[in-house]
């Protein structure tokens, strides 16, 4: 057999992807071109898996249109860079849209360059190579059950029904795991046949069944159709995707009718054909849909519900037999000439319009790489700005709160200085401005006027009230109360002197008339004015004199009694 590396090989490929019988949307994405075939199995919910797999296909699509004379090493590096760019794009989009958090995708892709196959792989999607009638699995699943198989804990047969068979250990996306793909290079041979498939296919079909189909069905599309149909009939509950690529030997590389095809895009990525056409700068087409089972009663009922009944039974039967036509998308230059609105959405991968008018989203393109760096720098600046604004907002909030507290404290202090009370200061009765309290150790009052009234000379009940503070509404009222206290003190002292004098006279009378009745002391009756009655019995000197002293009437103190008894003697 001639050496394939010295001959010109071409890749001819096709793909079929189906939503399956259980899922509500197709999260697989596939690509089948002349230099590249790829398959991505998305994960992360209804809105996330299809987005992640589409971004990965977009990131790899540029390899299809790159210079065919590229070296094998350059293409291998390019594929790894493209996969890592897809990872960054998926993570970036997940951060921008919360509903996409946790999305990710597997990747398996094969490129033909200079007579060699360059394979990149991450996740549990698989690549099979049929060479000389023998099937070889070219990838190792990055899954938990594969780890159990490698460590001898379970057998491959047990892995097929293991409850954690869908747990992947390496994948692209919004996860804290290693996103670097495996890269392999092998020599290409004429008649090599590749199968790239999701676990919806290889998870239910035995390798022997896959080998038989790849060996016996030469037509690519028919082979892909049968594999997907068999997987669904075998009970697959996942999306099912198959990509088949054949190496074709061209004996005359300069011949006019060389193998040629329009790249096909299947699954979720087919919803954005224009974007992929812009990346590749050439037309792309949607992949053929699964034809098997189109005549089932359930599908005919769905067609009736969707309005197909209005087209007539003959037309429906014809469409079911032929299947929907493939949609072709032109690059932006052609769309602009046709008056169509250009679509430059490539997820998180920037689109750059080059000087020659072409649009590129190739992460290996220097201009695109610079655009990525500029976007990352802008994002960092925006993030720093948001952080600074957040910090500034917090600081301003704290300053406002402190200012409000200071304002409240100042207003409270100003209010307190409109109040007055009578209290004790340095042993004398004094007038205070403020309120008799403190806040956090700060006194809200100060003495503004001292009197000559000694607190020690006052009755105990007066002292207690002075200790608590006798609150008044104004300075004049405070001064009036002080004068009242002074007047009452004078009356109290005058009465005390009169009582003392009466006590002395009583003692003298007792010595002069010893026969006086001792019980007369109980007849002593203080007058309403607080002084002893002049007609009191002399025998009253045998017991202390009782003096009624009225308390100072203080407004606002309802608890005070009308008078108090002070015992003298």
Protein backbone atom coordinates (compact mmCIF):
# COMPACT_ATOMS: atom_id res chain seq x y z
CA UNK A 1 0.00 0.00 0.00
CA UNK A 2 1.46 3.40 -0.92
CA UNK A 3 2.53 5.72 1.84
CA UNK A 4 -0.40 8.01 2.61
CA UNK A 5 1.90 10.79 3.80
CA UNK A 6 3.30 11.10 0.26
CA UNK A 7 -0.12 11.10 -1.40
CA UNK A 8 -2.92 13.62 -1.46
CA UNK A 9 -5.80 12.55 0.76
CA UNK A 10 -9.15 14.25 0.97
CA UNK A 11 -11.76 14.01 3.69
CA UNK A 12 -15.37 13.47 2.73
CA UNK A 13 -17.83 13.47 5.63
CA UNK A 14 -21.41 13.70 6.80
CA UNK A 15 -23.32 13.93 10.07
CA UNK A 16 -26.75 13.07 11.46
CA UNK A 17 -28.02 14.33 14.82
CA UNK A 18 -31.36 13.64 16.45
CA UNK A 19 -33.04 14.97 19.59
CA UNK A 20 -34.05 11.47 20.64
CA UNK A 21 -37.25 10.27 22.26
CA UNK A 22 -36.97 11.83 25.73
CA UNK A 23 -35.09 15.14 25.66
CA UNK A 24 -36.88 18.44 24.99
CA UNK A 25 -34.00 19.91 22.96
CA UNK A 26 -30.86 18.79 21.16
CA UNK A 27 -27.71 19.71 23.09
CA UNK A 28 -25.35 17.92 20.67
CA UNK A 29 -23.56 19.87 17.94
CA UNK A 30 -21.62 18.40 15.02
CA UNK A 31 -19.53 19.51 12.05
CA UNK A 32 -18.57 17.59 8.92
CA UNK A 33 -16.19 19.27 6.48
CA UNK A 34 -13.38 18.54 4.03
CA UNK A 35 -10.57 19.00 6.55
CA UNK A 36 -12.31 18.80 9.89
CA UNK A 37 -14.94 16.67 11.59
CA UNK A 38 -16.12 17.41 15.13
CA UNK A 39 -18.77 16.39 17.65
CA UNK A 40 -19.67 18.14 20.93
CA UNK A 41 -22.11 16.88 23.54
CA UNK A 42 -23.43 19.76 25.63
CA UNK A 43 -24.60 19.62 29.23
CA UNK A 44 -26.07 22.04 31.74
CA UNK A 45 -29.82 22.18 31.35
CA UNK A 46 -32.24 23.31 28.67
CA UNK A 47 -30.55 26.65 27.98
CA UNK A 48 -26.93 25.71 28.68
CA UNK A 49 -25.89 22.52 26.90
CA UNK A 50 -26.83 23.62 23.39
CA UNK A 51 -25.08 26.97 23.92
CA UNK A 52 -21.86 25.34 25.15
CA UNK A 53 -21.66 22.80 22.31
CA UNK A 54 -22.41 25.52 19.73
CA UNK A 55 -19.61 27.73 21.06
CA UNK A 56 -17.18 24.80 20.84
CA UNK A 57 -18.10 24.09 17.18
CA UNK A 58 -17.73 27.78 16.33
CA UNK A 59 -14.29 27.85 17.94
CA UNK A 60 -13.10 24.85 15.90
CA UNK A 61 -14.75 25.72 12.57
CA UNK A 62 -11.95 28.03 11.39
CA UNK A 63 -9.62 25.02 11.05
CA UNK A 64 -11.71 23.93 8.04
CA UNK A 65 -10.66 26.95 5.97
CA UNK A 66 -7.04 27.44 7.13
CA UNK A 67 -4.11 26.97 4.77
CA UNK A 68 -3.91 23.35 3.69
CA UNK A 69 -0.12 23.51 3.69
CA UNK A 70 0.01 24.01 7.47
CA UNK A 71 2.32 21.70 9.36
CA UNK A 72 0.95 18.92 11.53
CA UNK A 73 2.44 20.47 14.65
CA UNK A 74 0.87 23.84 13.87
CA UNK A 75 -2.56 22.31 13.37
CA UNK A 76 -2.23 20.29 16.60
CA UNK A 77 -1.36 23.47 18.46
CA UNK A 78 -4.20 25.26 16.69
CA UNK A 79 -6.72 22.65 17.77
CA UNK A 80 -5.62 22.79 21.38
CA UNK A 81 -5.75 26.59 21.33
CA UNK A 82 -9.22 26.52 19.79
CA UNK A 83 -10.53 24.13 22.44
CA UNK A 84 -9.11 26.30 25.23
CA UNK A 85 -10.63 29.39 23.55
CA UNK A 86 -13.99 27.60 23.57
CA UNK A 87 -13.55 26.88 27.28
CA UNK A 88 -12.85 30.56 28.03
CA UNK A 89 -15.82 31.61 25.90
CA UNK A 90 -18.18 29.21 27.68
CA UNK A 91 -17.00 30.36 31.10
CA UNK A 92 -17.32 34.01 30.04
CA UNK A 93 -20.84 33.57 28.75
CA UNK A 94 -21.87 31.65 31.87
CA UNK A 95 -20.66 34.54 34.02
CA UNK A 96 -22.61 37.06 31.97
CA UNK A 97 -25.86 35.05 32.02
CA UNK A 98 -26.79 33.39 35.30
CA UNK A 99 -29.22 30.99 33.66
CA UNK A 100 -26.23 29.42 31.84
CA UNK A 101 -24.21 28.77 35.00
CA UNK A 102 -22.85 25.23 35.11
CA UNK A 103 -22.97 24.62 31.37
CA UNK A 104 -20.27 22.63 29.60
CA UNK A 105 -19.53 20.35 26.67
CA UNK A 106 -17.42 17.44 25.54
CA UNK A 107 -15.28 17.78 22.40
CA UNK A 108 -13.95 15.21 19.95
CA UNK A 109 -12.51 16.43 16.64
CA UNK A 110 -10.29 15.08 13.87
CA UNK A 111 -8.43 17.15 11.27
CA UNK A 112 -6.65 15.88 8.14
CA UNK A 113 -3.41 17.70 7.42
CA UNK A 114 -0.48 16.67 5.19
CA UNK A 115 -1.41 12.99 5.27
CA UNK A 116 -1.86 12.79 9.05
CA UNK A 117 -4.81 12.69 11.40
CA UNK A 118 -4.78 15.16 14.30
CA UNK A 119 -7.20 14.12 17.05
CA UNK A 120 -8.30 16.24 20.00
CA UNK A 121 -10.59 14.96 22.73
CA UNK A 122 -12.04 15.82 26.13
CA UNK A 123 -15.04 14.23 27.84
CA UNK A 124 -16.85 10.96 27.14
CA UNK A 125 -17.73 11.43 23.46
CA UNK A 126 -15.81 8.90 21.36
CA UNK A 127 -13.80 8.59 18.16
CA UNK A 128 -13.60 5.22 16.36
CA UNK A 129 -11.29 4.44 13.43
CA UNK A 130 -12.10 1.65 10.99
CA UNK A 131 -8.95 0.61 9.14
CA UNK A 132 -8.63 -2.52 7.01
CA UNK A 133 -11.98 -3.77 8.36
CA UNK A 134 -10.90 -3.52 12.02
CA UNK A 135 -12.47 -1.04 14.43
CA UNK A 136 -10.30 0.74 17.01
CA UNK A 137 -11.42 3.08 19.73
CA UNK A 138 -9.09 6.09 19.46
CA UNK A 139 -10.19 7.92 22.62
CA UNK A 140 -10.40 7.09 26.30
CA UNK A 141 -13.45 8.37 28.12
CA UNK A 142 -12.74 11.04 30.70
CA UNK A 143 -15.46 9.60 32.93
CA UNK A 144 -15.84 8.14 36.38
CA UNK A 145 -16.77 4.65 35.16
CA UNK A 146 -13.72 4.60 32.86
CA UNK A 147 -11.61 5.37 35.90
CA UNK A 148 -13.24 2.45 37.69
CA UNK A 149 -12.50 0.21 34.69
CA UNK A 150 -8.87 1.38 34.51
CA UNK A 151 -8.38 0.65 38.21
CA UNK A 152 -9.98 -2.79 37.87
CA UNK A 153 -12.95 -2.08 40.12
CA UNK A 154 -15.60 -2.87 37.51
CA UNK A 155 -15.71 -4.55 34.11
CA UNK A 156 -16.70 -2.83 30.82
CA UNK A 157 -19.95 -4.78 30.90
CA UNK A 158 -20.74 -3.47 34.39
CA UNK A 159 -19.87 0.07 33.32
CA UNK A 160 -22.69 0.06 30.75
CA UNK A 161 -25.32 -0.05 33.53
CA UNK A 162 -23.41 1.75 36.26
CA UNK A 163 -25.55 4.42 38.02
CA UNK A 164 -22.76 7.02 37.59
CA UNK A 165 -21.95 6.22 33.97
CA UNK A 166 -22.77 9.80 32.91
CA UNK A 167 -20.37 11.48 35.35
CA UNK A 168 -17.47 13.08 33.44
CA UNK A 169 -14.20 14.00 35.10
CA UNK A 170 -12.85 16.33 32.42
CA UNK A 171 -14.95 18.63 30.26
CA UNK A 172 -15.02 22.16 28.88
CA UNK A 173 -17.11 24.72 30.66
CA UNK A 174 -18.10 26.37 33.90
CA UNK A 175 -16.48 23.77 36.17
CA UNK A 176 -13.41 23.70 38.37
CA UNK A 177 -11.70 20.89 36.43
CA UNK A 178 -8.84 20.58 33.94
CA UNK A 179 -10.02 21.87 30.51
CA UNK A 180 -6.92 20.84 28.53
CA UNK A 181 -7.78 18.32 25.78
CA UNK A 182 -5.87 15.19 24.80
CA UNK A 183 -4.02 15.56 21.48
CA UNK A 184 -2.99 12.60 19.30
CA UNK A 185 -1.39 12.37 15.83
CA UNK A 186 -1.39 9.33 13.60
CA UNK A 187 -0.63 8.63 9.94
CA UNK A 188 -3.61 8.70 7.60
CA UNK A 189 -4.32 5.81 5.22
CA UNK A 190 -6.59 5.73 2.21
CA UNK A 191 -10.04 4.31 3.03
CA UNK A 192 -9.73 5.19 6.72
CA UNK A 193 -13.21 5.70 8.15
CA UNK A 194 -13.84 7.73 11.27
CA UNK A 195 -16.90 7.71 13.50
CA UNK A 196 -17.33 10.48 16.05
CA UNK A 197 -20.35 9.97 18.28
CA UNK A 198 -21.99 11.08 21.50
CA UNK A 199 -22.59 8.72 24.40
CA UNK A 200 -26.21 8.54 23.28
CA UNK A 201 -24.94 6.22 20.53
CA UNK A 202 -21.89 4.42 21.92
CA UNK A 203 -23.58 4.06 25.31
CA UNK A 204 -26.19 1.63 23.92
CA UNK A 205 -24.52 0.03 20.87
CA UNK A 206 -21.80 -2.58 21.22
CA UNK A 207 -18.48 -1.96 19.48
CA UNK A 208 -19.11 -5.07 17.38
CA UNK A 209 -22.38 -3.61 16.11
CA UNK A 210 -20.68 -0.33 15.24
CA UNK A 211 -17.88 -2.17 13.45
CA UNK A 212 -20.35 -4.18 11.39
CA UNK A 213 -22.27 -1.09 10.29
CA UNK A 214 -19.13 0.88 9.39
CA UNK A 215 -17.74 -2.09 7.43
CA UNK A 216 -20.85 -3.11 5.51
CA UNK A 217 -22.59 0.20 4.69
CA UNK A 218 -20.35 2.12 2.32
CA UNK A 219 -22.64 5.12 1.79
CA UNK A 220 -21.76 7.64 4.47
CA UNK A 221 -25.15 9.20 5.03
CA UNK A 222 -26.92 5.87 5.02
CA UNK A 223 -24.44 4.50 7.53
CA UNK A 224 -24.92 7.52 9.83
CA UNK A 225 -28.70 7.26 9.49
CA UNK A 226 -28.69 3.59 10.46
CA UNK A 227 -26.39 4.06 13.44
CA UNK A 228 -28.52 6.84 14.92
CA UNK A 229 -31.73 4.92 14.24
CA UNK A 230 -30.33 1.75 15.82
CA UNK A 231 -29.26 3.66 18.94
CA UNK A 232 -32.77 5.05 19.39
CA UNK A 233 -34.35 1.64 18.86
CA UNK A 234 -31.90 0.18 21.39
CA UNK A 235 -33.40 2.45 24.04
CA UNK A 236 -31.13 5.51 24.08
CA UNK A 237 -32.72 8.28 26.14
CA UNK A 238 -30.16 10.94 25.16
CA UNK A 239 -29.54 13.01 22.06
CA UNK A 240 -27.86 10.82 19.43
CA UNK A 241 -25.25 12.17 17.00
CA UNK A 242 -22.94 10.46 14.52
CA UNK A 243 -20.26 12.02 12.31
CA UNK A 244 -18.64 9.83 9.65
CA UNK A 245 -15.54 10.86 7.73
CA UNK A 246 -13.78 8.89 4.98
CA UNK A 247 -10.26 9.44 3.65
CA UNK A 248 -10.35 9.55 -0.15
CA UNK A 249 -7.23 9.16 -2.23
CA UNK A 250 -6.86 11.45 -5.25
CA UNK A 251 -4.39 10.04 -7.70
CA UNK A 252 -4.22 13.34 -9.56
CA UNK A 253 -4.15 16.24 -7.13
CA UNK A 254 -4.46 18.70 -10.02
CA UNK A 255 -7.59 17.13 -11.46
CA UNK A 256 -10.57 19.39 -11.90
CA UNK A 257 -13.18 17.15 -10.32
CA UNK A 258 -11.58 16.65 -6.90
CA UNK A 259 -13.83 15.51 -4.02
CA UNK A 260 -15.73 18.49 -2.74
CA UNK A 261 -18.59 19.06 -0.36
CA UNK A 262 -20.31 21.85 1.47
CA UNK A 263 -19.54 21.57 5.21
CA UNK A 264 -22.49 20.26 7.19
CA UNK A 265 -23.52 21.45 10.65
CA UNK A 266 -25.83 19.33 12.80
CA UNK A 267 -27.61 19.57 16.14
CA UNK A 268 -27.77 22.77 18.17
CA UNK A 269 -25.08 24.55 16.13
CA UNK A 270 -27.24 24.33 13.00
CA UNK A 271 -29.39 27.12 14.41
CA UNK A 272 -26.58 29.61 13.72
CA UNK A 273 -25.31 28.61 10.29
CA UNK A 274 -24.60 32.22 9.26
CA UNK A 275 -22.13 32.69 12.09
CA UNK A 276 -20.18 29.57 11.11
CA UNK A 277 -20.27 30.62 7.43
CA UNK A 278 -18.73 33.96 8.46
CA UNK A 279 -15.99 32.18 10.41
CA UNK A 280 -15.12 29.93 7.44
CA UNK A 281 -15.80 32.51 4.68
CA UNK A 282 -17.73 29.97 2.67
CA UNK A 283 -21.21 28.43 2.57
CA UNK A 284 -22.29 25.83 5.09
CA UNK A 285 -25.40 23.66 5.14
CA UNK A 286 -27.53 22.07 7.82
CA UNK A 287 -27.06 18.32 8.25
CA UNK A 288 -29.72 15.91 7.02
CA UNK A 289 -32.27 14.92 9.63
CA UNK A 290 -32.99 11.39 10.75
CA UNK A 291 -35.31 9.73 8.25
CA UNK A 292 -35.99 6.43 10.04
CA UNK A 293 -39.44 6.23 11.64
CA UNK A 294 -40.84 9.27 9.87
CA UNK A 295 -44.00 7.30 9.03
CA UNK A 296 -44.83 6.46 12.64
CA UNK A 297 -48.35 7.36 13.85
CA UNK A 298 -46.99 9.71 16.51
CA UNK A 299 -44.99 11.73 13.98
CA UNK A 300 -47.88 11.88 11.56
CA UNK A 301 -50.08 13.20 14.38
CA UNK A 302 -47.45 15.83 15.20
CA UNK A 303 -47.37 16.86 11.55
CA UNK A 304 -51.16 17.27 11.58
CA UNK A 305 -51.00 19.43 14.73
CA UNK A 306 -48.36 21.64 13.13
CA UNK A 307 -50.58 22.33 10.15
CA UNK A 308 -49.26 19.82 7.68
CA UNK A 309 -52.75 18.51 7.14
CA UNK A 310 -53.54 21.63 5.12
CA UNK A 311 -50.93 20.73 2.52
CA UNK A 312 -52.76 17.56 1.49
CA UNK A 313 -52.02 13.92 2.11
CA UNK A 314 -50.00 13.46 -1.06
CA UNK A 315 -47.70 16.37 -0.27
CA UNK A 316 -47.19 15.17 3.30
CA UNK A 317 -46.30 11.69 2.11
CA UNK A 318 -43.81 13.13 -0.37
CA UNK A 319 -42.14 15.30 2.26
CA UNK A 320 -41.93 12.36 4.66
CA UNK A 321 -40.30 10.26 1.98
CA UNK A 322 -37.77 12.86 0.87
CA UNK A 323 -37.22 14.54 4.21
CA UNK A 324 -36.76 18.28 4.78
CA UNK A 325 -34.34 20.03 2.51
CA UNK A 326 -30.97 21.12 3.85
CA UNK A 327 -30.63 24.84 4.54
CA UNK A 328 -27.57 26.61 3.14
CA UNK A 329 -26.10 29.75 4.70
CA UNK A 330 -23.81 32.11 2.82
CA UNK A 331 -20.98 34.17 4.35
CA UNK A 332 -21.61 37.80 5.26
CA UNK A 333 -20.21 39.23 1.99
CA UNK A 334 -22.79 37.31 -0.02
CA UNK A 335 -25.58 38.09 2.46
CA UNK A 336 -24.79 41.78 2.28
CA UNK A 337 -24.92 41.67 -1.50
CA UNK A 338 -28.29 39.97 -1.25
CA UNK A 339 -29.53 42.59 1.20
CA UNK A 340 -29.60 40.24 4.19
CA UNK A 341 -28.79 41.44 7.69
CA UNK A 342 -25.37 40.13 8.74
CA UNK A 343 -25.22 37.96 11.86
CA UNK A 344 -21.89 38.20 13.65
CA UNK A 345 -22.83 36.49 16.93
CA UNK A 346 -20.14 33.97 17.82
CA UNK A 347 -20.92 33.61 21.48
CA UNK A 348 -17.99 35.02 23.44
CA UNK A 349 -15.47 34.73 20.58
CA UNK A 350 -14.91 38.20 19.06
CA UNK A 351 -15.48 38.73 15.36
CA UNK A 352 -12.88 40.84 13.58
CA UNK A 353 -13.31 42.47 10.18
CA UNK A 354 -9.95 42.30 8.46
CA UNK A 355 -8.49 44.89 6.11
CA UNK A 356 -9.40 42.84 3.07
CA UNK A 357 -13.06 42.93 4.14
CA UNK A 358 -13.19 39.37 5.45
CA UNK A 359 -14.66 38.54 8.84
CA UNK A 360 -12.66 36.23 11.10
CA UNK A 361 -13.34 34.58 14.46
CA UNK A 362 -10.27 32.34 14.38
CA UNK A 363 -8.65 32.49 17.85
CA UNK A 364 -5.30 31.77 16.17
CA UNK A 365 -5.63 34.81 13.89
CA UNK A 366 -3.32 37.55 15.30
CA UNK A 367 -6.01 40.18 14.85
CA UNK A 368 -8.60 38.02 16.61
CA UNK A 369 -6.10 37.24 19.37
CA UNK A 370 -5.54 40.97 19.85
CA UNK A 371 -9.30 41.52 19.92
CA UNK A 372 -9.62 38.82 22.58
CA UNK A 373 -6.89 40.51 24.61
CA UNK A 374 -8.59 43.88 24.22
CA UNK A 375 -11.93 42.44 25.32
CA UNK A 376 -10.30 40.75 28.30
CA UNK A 377 -8.55 44.01 29.21
CA UNK A 378 -11.85 45.90 28.89
CA UNK A 379 -13.58 43.32 31.05
CA UNK A 380 -10.85 43.63 33.68
CA UNK A 381 -11.11 47.42 33.61
CA UNK A 382 -14.88 47.20 33.85
CA UNK A 383 -14.55 44.76 36.75
CA UNK A 384 -12.06 47.01 38.54
CA UNK A 385 -14.34 49.98 37.92
CA UNK A 386 -17.29 48.10 39.38
CA UNK A 387 -15.19 47.13 42.40
CA UNK A 388 -14.03 50.73 42.87
CA UNK A 389 -17.58 52.03 42.49
CA UNK A 390 -18.81 49.46 44.98
CA UNK A 391 -16.13 50.43 47.46
CA UNK A 392 -16.84 54.12 46.89
CA UNK A 393 -20.54 53.46 47.42
CA UNK A 394 -19.81 51.65 50.68
CA UNK A 395 -17.56 54.50 51.85
CA UNK A 396 -20.15 57.13 50.92
CA UNK A 397 -22.83 55.09 52.69
CA UNK A 398 -20.70 54.87 55.83
CA UNK A 399 -19.97 58.61 55.70
CA UNK A 400 -23.68 59.37 55.27
CA UNK A 401 -24.57 57.13 58.21
CA UNK A 402 -21.89 58.72 60.39
CA UNK A 403 -23.04 62.19 59.35
CA UNK A 404 -26.63 61.25 60.17
CA UNK A 405 -25.60 59.94 63.57
CA UNK A 406 -23.53 63.04 64.25
CA UNK A 407 -26.46 65.20 63.16
CA UNK A 408 -28.83 63.32 65.42
CA UNK A 409 -26.37 63.55 68.29
CA UNK A 410 -25.92 67.28 67.75
CA UNK A 411 -29.67 67.83 67.49
CA UNK A 412 -30.18 65.84 70.68
CA UNK A 413 -27.51 67.85 72.47
CA UNK A 414 -29.01 71.13 71.29
CA UNK A 415 -32.40 70.02 72.56
CA UNK A 416 -30.94 69.00 75.90
CA UNK A 417 -29.45 72.47 76.37
CA UNK A 418 -32.91 74.00 76.29
CA UNK A 419 -33.74 72.17 79.53
CA UNK A 420 -32.80 73.05 83.14
CA UNK A 421 -32.88 71.31 86.51
CA UNK A 422 -31.92 71.91 90.13
CA UNK A 423 -29.32 69.63 91.61
CA UNK A 424 -26.25 69.39 93.81
CA UNK A 425 -22.86 70.82 92.89
CA UNK A 426 -19.89 70.91 95.25
CA UNK A 427 -22.16 70.46 98.27
CA UNK A 428 -24.57 73.32 97.46
CA UNK A 429 -27.81 73.62 95.59
CA UNK A 430 -27.11 74.61 91.96
CA UNK A 431 -28.95 75.28 88.73
CA UNK A 432 -27.94 73.03 85.81
CA UNK A 433 -28.44 73.53 82.09
CA UNK A 434 -29.24 70.30 80.20
CA UNK A 435 -30.72 67.00 81.33
CA UNK A 436 -29.45 64.89 84.25
CA UNK A 437 -27.99 62.01 82.19
CA UNK A 438 -25.01 61.02 80.03
CA UNK A 439 -24.55 59.24 76.69
CA UNK A 440 -21.49 57.00 76.29
CA UNK A 441 -19.91 58.81 79.25
CA UNK A 442 -20.62 62.31 77.90
CA UNK A 443 -22.56 64.45 80.36
CA UNK A 444 -25.48 66.34 78.81
CA UNK A 445 -25.59 69.00 81.53
CA UNK A 446 -23.38 71.50 83.37
CA UNK A 447 -23.79 73.77 86.38
CA UNK A 448 -24.46 77.39 85.47
CA UNK A 449 -25.37 78.93 88.85
CA UNK A 450 -24.50 77.93 92.42
CA UNK A 451 -26.43 79.06 95.52
CA UNK A 452 -25.50 79.49 99.18
CA UNK A 453 -27.80 76.70 100.27
CA UNK A 454 -25.82 73.81 101.67
CA UNK A 455 -27.30 70.47 100.79
CA UNK A 456 -26.30 69.04 104.16
CA UNK A 457 -28.64 71.47 105.90
CA UNK A 458 -31.68 70.23 103.99
CA UNK A 459 -34.04 67.44 105.05
CA UNK A 460 -33.19 64.01 103.64
CA UNK A 461 -36.23 63.97 101.36
CA UNK A 462 -35.02 67.20 99.72
CA UNK A 463 -31.54 65.75 99.31
CA UNK A 464 -32.92 62.69 97.50
CA UNK A 465 -34.82 64.85 95.07
CA UNK A 466 -31.82 67.07 94.44
CA UNK A 467 -29.72 63.98 93.77
CA UNK A 468 -32.13 62.88 91.03
CA UNK A 469 -32.52 66.42 89.72
CA UNK A 470 -35.61 68.61 89.93
CA UNK A 471 -36.48 69.25 86.29
CA UNK A 472 -37.94 72.59 85.23
CA UNK A 473 -38.81 74.09 81.85
CA UNK A 474 -36.79 77.32 81.96
CA UNK A 475 -34.00 79.15 83.74
CA UNK A 476 -36.43 81.63 85.34
CA UNK A 477 -38.50 78.79 86.75
CA UNK A 478 -35.34 77.22 88.15
CA UNK A 479 -34.37 80.46 89.86
CA UNK A 480 -37.90 80.81 91.30
CA UNK A 481 -37.66 77.33 92.81
CA UNK A 482 -34.26 78.15 94.32
CA UNK A 483 -35.70 81.26 95.95
CA UNK A 484 -38.57 79.18 97.30
CA UNK A 485 -36.12 76.72 98.77
CA UNK A 486 -34.18 79.59 100.38
CA UNK A 487 -37.38 81.05 101.88
CA UNK A 488 -38.50 77.68 103.23
CA UNK A 489 -35.05 77.15 104.72
CA UNK A 490 -35.32 80.51 106.53
CA UNK A 491 -38.75 79.58 107.85
CA UNK A 492 -37.41 76.18 108.89
CA UNK A 493 -34.50 77.73 110.82
CA UNK A 494 -36.75 80.33 112.50
CA UNK A 495 -39.14 77.60 113.61
CA UNK A 496 -36.23 75.51 114.82
CA UNK A 497 -34.93 78.40 116.93
CA UNK A 498 -38.39 79.01 118.38
CA UNK A 499 -38.73 75.34 119.23
CA UNK A 500 -35.33 75.30 120.86
CA UNK A 501 -36.29 78.35 122.97
CA UNK A 502 -39.62 76.75 123.93
CA UNK A 503 -37.79 73.61 124.98
CA UNK A 504 -35.56 75.61 127.30
CA UNK A 505 -38.53 77.36 128.93
CA UNK A 506 -40.25 74.04 129.40
CA UNK A 507 -37.25 72.65 131.21
CA UNK A 508 -37.24 75.59 133.63
CA UNK A 509 -40.98 75.25 134.27
CA UNK A 510 -40.55 71.58 135.01
CA UNK A 511 -37.99 72.23 137.65
CA UNK A 512 -40.28 74.83 139.26
CA UNK A 513 -43.39 72.63 139.29
CA UNK A 514 -42.38 69.00 139.73
CA UNK A 515 -45.95 67.98 140.26
CA UNK A 516 -46.90 68.64 136.65
CA UNK A 517 -48.53 65.73 134.91
CA UNK A 518 -46.08 63.76 132.63
CA UNK A 519 -48.89 62.90 130.36
CA UNK A 520 -49.20 66.52 129.34
CA UNK A 521 -46.42 66.02 126.82
CA UNK A 522 -48.78 64.16 124.60
CA UNK A 523 -51.02 67.21 124.36
CA UNK A 524 -48.44 69.17 122.45
CA UNK A 525 -49.98 70.00 119.12
CA UNK A 526 -48.01 71.70 116.36
CA UNK A 527 -49.81 74.53 114.59
CA UNK A 528 -50.68 74.59 110.91
CA UNK A 529 -47.89 77.09 110.31
CA UNK A 530 -45.32 74.62 111.58
CA UNK A 531 -44.50 76.42 114.93
CA UNK A 532 -45.27 75.19 118.49
CA UNK A 533 -48.38 76.57 120.22
CA UNK A 534 -47.60 79.12 122.94
CA UNK A 535 -50.15 77.46 125.25
CA UNK A 536 -48.34 74.11 125.17
CA UNK A 537 -47.90 72.35 128.47
CA UNK A 538 -44.52 72.80 130.07
CA UNK A 539 -44.31 69.08 130.49
CA UNK A 540 -43.82 68.80 126.70
CA UNK A 541 -40.12 69.16 127.24
CA UNK A 542 -39.99 65.52 128.23
CA UNK A 543 -40.28 64.46 124.59
CA UNK A 544 -38.94 65.83 121.30
CA UNK A 545 -40.97 68.55 119.66
CA UNK A 546 -42.70 67.74 116.38
CA UNK A 547 -42.50 70.36 113.63
CA UNK A 548 -44.56 70.32 110.41
CA UNK A 549 -42.44 71.68 107.53
CA UNK A 550 -44.14 71.99 104.13
CA UNK A 551 -42.19 70.67 101.15
CA UNK A 552 -41.34 72.92 98.27
CA UNK A 553 -44.06 72.47 95.62
CA UNK A 554 -42.25 71.39 92.48
CA UNK A 555 -44.22 71.25 89.25
CA UNK A 556 -44.26 67.93 87.49
CA UNK A 557 -43.47 65.87 90.62
CA UNK A 558 -46.80 64.39 91.55
CA UNK A 559 -45.27 61.95 94.01
CA UNK A 560 -44.41 64.63 96.54
CA UNK A 561 -46.58 64.77 99.64
CA UNK A 562 -48.12 68.02 100.79
CA UNK A 563 -45.95 68.17 103.89
CA UNK A 564 -43.39 66.29 105.93
CA UNK A 565 -42.84 65.89 109.64
CA UNK A 566 -39.45 66.92 110.95
CA UNK A 567 -38.60 65.86 114.45
CA UNK A 568 -36.58 68.44 116.42
CA UNK A 569 -34.79 67.68 119.69
